[in-house]
Amino acid sequence: MKLRTGCGRRRAGVTLIELLVVVAIIAVLMSLLTAAVMRTLDLGPRAKTASRISAINNGIGTFKSNAAFGNTKYIPAGRPLFTNGVITGSAPFQLRNSYTSTTTPDMYSFEAQYITAVFGTVNLSNLGNSAWPGNDNSAPILLDANQTLTFFLTGVPVVTGADVTFTGFSNGQQPFAPRATASDDRKGPVLDLGGGGDGRKYELGSNNFPRMIDAFGTPFAYYCAYNGQANKYFGYNADPNNAAQAGYPATLKPYARNGQYENDSGYQIISAGKDKKFGLSGNWDAVDADGRDDQANFSPRLLGGGRQ
């Protein structure tokens, strides 16, 4: 007679509950991994944008401290508009090959005075680039704030398709003359915008002039204080050749706090961030949905997200 041991054979496999637990654990791990990847994808362009802002800062510092450029106190952000000595607005910088007329546009224009201050006593009747407007009656090349800054930091652009060679300025009476030979004596450029592909640091505007872009592909906004004077800020940040340009709303203004501009005697460089939308400025500690990921040269942290 056999006795039963009472030990049954255990069924192989897993229960439904065990399977659900494993699936839940995998889902949590995947969500954590996805969040980490997304943060990494965000941090990469942010770091590149911060690096570009730092490079522009250095370029502006070099330009302003360089005797070859007249030790000027600022690089214009377009052209300031005055009413009774007070800045009331901004307009595009009117780049010409000639500033000689005694009427508008004239040799006494803001542009002519700034060019003379930077390059000394130059030939305002022929600044040297025959490809640009050659007389006072021809239409000027209109540059927004970013393009104006880019021009003075990098010099005369030579455009070949989508690529640009930044050649600095001629060291003579005609500063806008293109490079004649590889050994042609030049001033600048003081900022390197070389490189193409995904790492491109510039784009061409509708006027075929370059402007600097952040790592998300949006042109930087740029504002500055007129002649380095406190709170005399201006900056023309819309494409002067495209009135309907998206991304630069009429409400875009330099950032301020308690009624005073940040870097009140200097300048502001602002990136629109990942969403490619600029905040509405004002107090940059305030919560601003569009500007919550903006980056700037005057803040080590993101703008528009409240106290972080």
Protein backbone atom coordinates (compact mmCIF):
# COMPACT_ATOMS: atom_id res chain seq x y z
CA MET A 1 0.00 0.00 0.00
CA LYS A 2 1.39 3.39 -1.09
CA LEU A 3 1.08 6.39 1.10
CA ARG A 4 0.37 9.79 -0.50
CA THR A 5 2.98 12.31 0.45
CA GLY A 6 0.67 15.31 0.16
CA CYS A 7 3.20 17.14 -1.99
CA GLY A 8 1.62 18.13 -5.25
CA ARG A 9 3.58 19.19 -8.32
CA ARG A 10 3.65 23.08 -8.63
CA ARG A 11 2.37 24.54 -11.90
CA ALA A 12 5.04 26.23 -14.00
CA GLY A 13 4.63 29.92 -15.17
CA VAL A 14 3.56 33.22 -13.58
CA THR A 15 0.28 34.51 -12.30
CA LEU A 16 -1.61 37.43 -13.85
CA ILE A 17 -0.80 39.58 -10.84
CA GLU A 18 2.92 38.90 -11.21
CA LEU A 19 2.75 39.78 -14.89
CA LEU A 20 0.95 43.06 -14.17
CA VAL A 21 3.55 43.97 -11.56
CA VAL A 22 6.36 43.37 -14.06
CA VAL A 23 4.56 45.44 -16.73
CA ALA A 24 4.02 48.27 -14.24
CA ILE A 25 7.69 48.26 -13.25
CA ILE A 26 8.75 48.36 -16.92
CA ALA A 27 6.32 51.24 -17.57
CA VAL A 28 7.75 53.24 -14.66
CA LEU A 29 11.31 52.60 -15.82
CA MET A 30 10.40 53.61 -19.39
CA SER A 31 8.77 56.84 -18.19
CA LEU A 32 11.84 57.68 -16.11
CA LEU A 33 14.11 56.90 -19.05
CA THR A 34 11.98 58.98 -21.43
CA ALA A 35 12.01 61.92 -19.02
CA ALA A 36 15.79 61.66 -18.70
CA VAL A 37 16.22 61.52 -22.47
CA MET A 38 13.93 64.53 -22.96
CA ARG A 39 15.86 66.50 -20.35
CA THR A 40 19.10 65.60 -22.09
CA LEU A 41 17.68 66.64 -25.47
CA ASP A 42 16.65 69.98 -23.95
CA LEU A 43 19.90 70.55 -22.09
CA GLY A 44 22.04 70.02 -25.20
CA PRO A 45 20.59 72.92 -27.23
CA ARG A 46 20.37 75.06 -24.08
CA ALA A 47 24.06 74.54 -23.42
CA LYS A 48 24.89 75.33 -27.06
CA THR A 49 22.73 78.47 -26.91
CA ALA A 50 24.44 79.59 -23.69
CA SER A 51 27.80 79.01 -25.40
CA ARG A 52 26.73 81.10 -28.38
CA ILE A 53 25.53 83.92 -26.12
CA SER A 54 28.89 83.81 -24.31
CA ALA A 55 30.74 83.97 -27.65
CA ILE A 56 28.67 86.99 -28.73
CA ASN A 57 29.40 88.64 -25.37
CA ASN A 58 33.12 88.12 -25.95
CA GLY A 59 32.86 89.44 -29.51
CA ILE A 60 31.09 92.60 -28.37
CA GLY A 61 33.71 93.12 -25.67
CA THR A 62 36.52 92.71 -28.18
CA PHE A 63 34.88 95.09 -30.66
CA LYS A 64 34.26 97.81 -28.06
CA SER A 65 37.76 97.61 -26.59
CA ASN A 66 39.57 97.44 -29.94
CA ALA A 67 41.19 100.70 -31.01
CA ALA A 68 40.84 99.54 -34.62
CA PHE A 69 37.09 100.08 -34.19
CA GLY A 70 37.31 103.42 -32.45
CA ASN A 71 36.78 102.12 -28.89
CA THR A 72 33.06 102.67 -29.40
CA LYS A 73 30.75 102.28 -26.40
CA TYR A 74 28.16 100.10 -28.15
CA ILE A 75 27.09 98.28 -31.30
CA PRO A 76 23.71 99.57 -32.52
CA ALA A 77 20.56 97.44 -32.51
CA GLY A 78 19.15 98.97 -35.66
CA ARG A 79 18.65 102.73 -35.59
CA PRO A 80 17.25 104.66 -32.59
CA LEU A 81 14.41 107.13 -33.18
CA PHE A 82 14.42 110.31 -31.13
CA THR A 83 11.73 112.82 -30.17
CA ASN A 84 13.06 115.89 -28.33
CA GLY A 85 16.18 113.98 -27.36
CA VAL A 86 14.25 111.00 -25.98
CA ILE A 87 14.37 107.58 -27.65
CA THR A 88 10.80 106.77 -28.67
CA GLY A 89 11.34 103.84 -31.00
CA SER A 90 13.63 101.94 -33.34
CA ALA A 91 14.00 101.47 -37.09
CA PRO A 92 16.14 99.29 -39.36
CA PHE A 93 19.80 100.23 -39.80
CA GLN A 94 20.16 101.71 -43.30
CA LEU A 95 23.33 100.22 -44.72
CA ARG A 96 24.60 102.07 -47.80
CA ASN A 97 27.74 102.28 -49.84
CA SER A 98 27.45 106.06 -49.89
CA TYR A 99 26.36 108.69 -47.36
CA THR A 100 26.93 112.04 -49.06
CA SER A 101 23.61 113.76 -49.57
CA THR A 102 22.71 116.75 -47.43
CA THR A 103 19.11 115.52 -47.37
CA THR A 104 17.66 112.31 -45.99
CA PRO A 105 19.40 109.88 -46.08
CA ASP A 106 22.42 112.04 -45.47
CA MET A 107 25.97 112.32 -44.23
CA TYR A 108 24.55 113.44 -40.88
CA SER A 109 22.42 110.34 -40.42
CA PHE A 110 22.82 108.07 -37.41
CA GLU A 111 24.41 105.42 -39.64
CA ALA A 112 26.96 107.78 -41.19
CA GLN A 113 27.96 109.14 -37.78
CA TYR A 114 28.38 105.66 -36.31
CA ILE A 115 30.41 104.39 -39.28
CA THR A 116 32.68 107.45 -39.03
CA ALA A 117 33.11 106.89 -35.27
CA VAL A 118 34.07 103.24 -35.84
CA PHE A 119 36.31 103.55 -38.89
CA GLY A 120 37.61 107.09 -38.48
CA THR A 121 37.73 109.54 -41.38
CA VAL A 122 36.52 107.39 -44.26
CA ASN A 123 35.28 108.13 -47.75
CA LEU A 124 31.52 108.39 -47.15
CA SER A 125 30.91 108.80 -50.88
CA ASN A 126 32.29 105.29 -51.58
CA LEU A 127 32.66 102.86 -48.70
CA GLY A 128 33.98 100.24 -51.05
CA ASN A 129 31.38 97.59 -51.94
CA SER A 130 30.07 98.07 -55.47
CA ALA A 131 27.49 95.32 -54.89
CA TRP A 132 25.69 97.52 -52.35
CA PRO A 133 23.64 100.66 -53.07
CA GLY A 134 26.11 103.08 -54.57
CA ASN A 135 24.43 106.47 -54.27
CA ASP A 136 22.16 108.39 -51.94
CA ASN A 137 19.13 107.90 -54.17
CA SER A 138 19.26 104.11 -54.25
CA ALA A 139 17.40 101.96 -51.76
CA PRO A 140 19.51 101.02 -48.72
CA ILE A 141 19.95 97.53 -47.34
CA LEU A 142 17.73 97.43 -44.25
CA LEU A 143 19.20 95.50 -41.32
CA ASP A 144 17.32 94.43 -38.20
CA ALA A 145 19.01 94.59 -34.77
CA ASN A 146 20.49 91.11 -35.03
CA GLN A 147 21.84 91.72 -38.54
CA THR A 148 23.34 95.06 -37.49
CA LEU A 149 25.17 93.37 -34.62
CA THR A 150 26.25 90.48 -36.86
CA PHE A 151 27.57 92.88 -39.50
CA PHE A 152 29.83 94.82 -37.14
CA LEU A 153 31.09 91.67 -35.39
CA THR A 154 31.84 89.71 -38.56
CA GLY A 155 32.32 92.28 -41.31
CA VAL A 156 31.50 92.22 -45.00
CA PRO A 157 29.61 89.00 -45.84
CA VAL A 158 30.34 87.03 -49.00
CA VAL A 159 27.32 84.83 -49.72
CA THR A 160 27.63 81.61 -51.71
CA GLY A 161 24.34 79.79 -51.76
CA ALA A 162 23.38 79.16 -48.13
CA ASP A 163 26.97 79.59 -46.93
CA VAL A 164 28.62 82.82 -45.85
CA THR A 165 32.26 83.81 -45.56
CA PHE A 166 32.74 86.51 -42.93
CA THR A 167 35.62 88.70 -44.07
CA GLY A 168 35.91 91.55 -41.58
CA PHE A 169 36.52 95.09 -42.88
CA SER A 170 39.13 96.61 -45.15
CA ASN A 171 41.86 98.49 -43.29
CA GLY A 172 41.65 101.73 -45.23
CA GLN A 173 39.43 104.48 -46.60
CA GLN A 174 36.88 102.00 -47.94
CA PRO A 175 36.06 99.66 -45.03
CA PHE A 176 33.27 97.78 -46.86
CA ALA A 177 35.53 96.70 -49.72
CA PRO A 178 35.48 92.91 -50.16
CA ARG A 179 38.67 90.93 -49.63
CA ALA A 180 40.97 91.37 -52.64
CA THR A 181 43.44 88.59 -51.83
CA ALA A 182 43.90 86.00 -49.11
CA SER A 183 46.53 88.26 -47.51
CA ASP A 184 44.42 91.42 -47.73
CA ASP A 185 44.88 93.47 -44.54
CA ARG A 186 41.56 93.38 -42.63
CA LYS A 187 39.98 94.50 -39.35
CA GLY A 188 38.16 91.62 -37.72
CA PRO A 189 36.05 89.60 -37.74
CA VAL A 190 35.92 89.48 -33.94
CA LEU A 191 33.39 86.60 -33.85
CA ASP A 192 33.64 83.21 -35.54
CA LEU A 193 30.35 82.08 -37.12
CA GLY A 194 31.89 79.37 -39.27
CA GLY A 195 30.43 75.91 -39.63
CA GLY A 196 27.38 74.58 -41.41
CA GLY A 197 24.92 71.72 -41.23
CA ASP A 198 23.14 71.15 -37.93
CA GLY A 199 25.72 73.27 -36.14
CA ARG A 200 25.10 76.38 -38.23
CA LYS A 201 25.24 79.55 -36.15
CA TYR A 202 23.58 81.87 -38.63
CA GLU A 203 20.80 82.13 -41.18
CA LEU A 204 20.29 84.43 -44.15
CA GLY A 205 17.51 86.98 -43.95
CA SER A 206 15.27 87.88 -46.87
CA ASN A 207 17.76 90.67 -47.69
CA ASN A 208 20.52 88.02 -48.04
CA PHE A 209 22.33 89.33 -44.96
CA PRO A 210 23.20 86.92 -42.12
CA ARG A 211 21.77 86.98 -38.62
CA MET A 212 22.89 84.89 -35.65
CA ILE A 213 20.60 82.08 -34.47
CA ASP A 214 20.33 80.07 -31.26
CA ALA A 215 20.71 76.29 -31.13
CA PHE A 216 16.95 75.92 -31.68
CA GLY A 217 17.21 77.77 -35.01
CA THR A 218 15.63 81.11 -34.00
CA PRO A 219 17.39 84.47 -34.49
CA PHE A 220 18.49 86.14 -31.25
CA ALA A 221 16.73 89.34 -30.20
CA TYR A 222 19.20 92.15 -29.48
CA TYR A 223 18.77 95.44 -27.62
CA CYS A 224 21.34 97.99 -26.52
CA ALA A 225 21.71 101.27 -24.68
CA TYR A 226 22.38 104.21 -27.00
CA ASN A 227 26.02 105.27 -26.63
CA GLY A 228 26.22 103.27 -23.39
CA GLN A 229 23.81 105.64 -21.63
CA ALA A 230 21.66 104.15 -18.87
CA ASN A 231 18.09 103.18 -19.82
CA LYS A 232 18.29 104.57 -23.37
CA TYR A 233 17.45 101.20 -24.89
CA PHE A 234 16.45 100.49 -28.47
CA GLY A 235 16.28 97.52 -30.83
CA TYR A 236 14.50 96.76 -34.11
CA ASN A 237 13.83 93.02 -33.98
CA ALA A 238 11.33 92.46 -36.80
CA ASP A 239 12.48 91.48 -40.28
CA PRO A 240 12.39 94.87 -42.05
CA ASN A 241 11.60 93.09 -45.32
CA ASN A 242 8.78 90.96 -43.93
CA ALA A 243 6.21 92.83 -41.86
CA ALA A 244 4.27 89.63 -41.15
CA GLN A 245 7.28 87.78 -39.70
CA ALA A 246 6.26 85.41 -36.91
CA GLY A 247 8.24 85.18 -33.70
CA TYR A 248 8.90 88.88 -33.21
CA PRO A 249 5.61 90.31 -31.91
CA ALA A 250 5.11 94.04 -31.59
CA THR A 251 4.97 93.55 -27.83
CA LEU A 252 8.52 92.18 -27.68
CA LYS A 253 10.59 94.53 -25.54
CA PRO A 254 13.84 94.35 -23.61
CA TYR A 255 13.60 92.86 -20.14
CA ALA A 256 13.37 95.13 -17.13
CA ARG A 257 12.91 94.96 -13.38
CA ASN A 258 11.27 97.64 -11.25
CA GLY A 259 11.14 99.97 -14.25
CA GLN A 260 14.85 99.67 -15.05
CA TYR A 261 16.30 97.69 -17.93
CA GLU A 262 18.57 94.77 -17.14
CA ASN A 263 22.12 95.76 -18.12
CA ASP A 264 20.74 99.29 -18.30
CA SER A 265 23.95 100.75 -19.78
CA GLY A 266 24.86 97.73 -21.87
CA TYR A 267 22.88 95.32 -24.02
CA GLN A 268 20.59 92.30 -23.99
CA ILE A 269 20.87 89.15 -26.11
CA ILE A 270 17.77 86.95 -25.83
CA SER A 271 17.04 83.45 -27.13
CA ALA A 272 13.41 82.43 -27.64
CA GLY A 273 14.20 78.95 -26.34
CA LYS A 274 12.80 75.57 -27.32
CA ASP A 275 9.25 76.81 -28.07
CA LYS A 276 10.71 79.53 -30.35
CA LYS A 277 8.43 82.11 -28.70
CA PHE A 278 9.76 85.20 -26.99
CA GLY A 279 8.29 86.31 -23.71
CA LEU A 280 6.64 89.68 -23.35
CA SER A 281 9.56 90.97 -21.26
CA GLY A 282 8.79 93.23 -18.34
CA ASN A 283 9.83 91.71 -15.02
CA TRP A 284 11.67 88.55 -16.03
CA ASP A 285 10.92 86.89 -12.68
CA ALA A 286 7.20 86.95 -13.50
CA VAL A 287 5.54 83.80 -14.82
CA ASP A 288 5.34 84.05 -18.61
CA ALA A 289 4.11 81.00 -20.52
CA ASP A 290 5.76 81.93 -23.83
CA GLY A 291 8.97 83.18 -22.25
CA ARG A 292 9.45 80.49 -19.62
CA ASP A 293 12.35 78.95 -21.55
CA ASP A 294 14.00 82.14 -22.83
CA GLN A 295 17.75 82.50 -22.27
CA ALA A 296 19.65 85.76 -21.98
CA ASN A 297 23.09 87.19 -21.35
CA PHE A 298 21.98 88.86 -18.10
CA SER A 299 20.61 85.77 -16.33
CA PRO A 300 22.27 82.45 -15.44
CA ARG A 301 18.85 80.74 -15.42
CA LEU A 302 15.84 80.58 -17.71
CA LEU A 303 13.51 83.56 -17.90
CA GLY A 304 9.75 83.78 -17.56
CA GLY A 305 9.23 80.90 -15.15
CA GLY A 306 9.00 82.78 -11.89
CA ARG A 307 11.55 82.22 -9.12
CA GLN A 308 13.40 79.03 -9.97
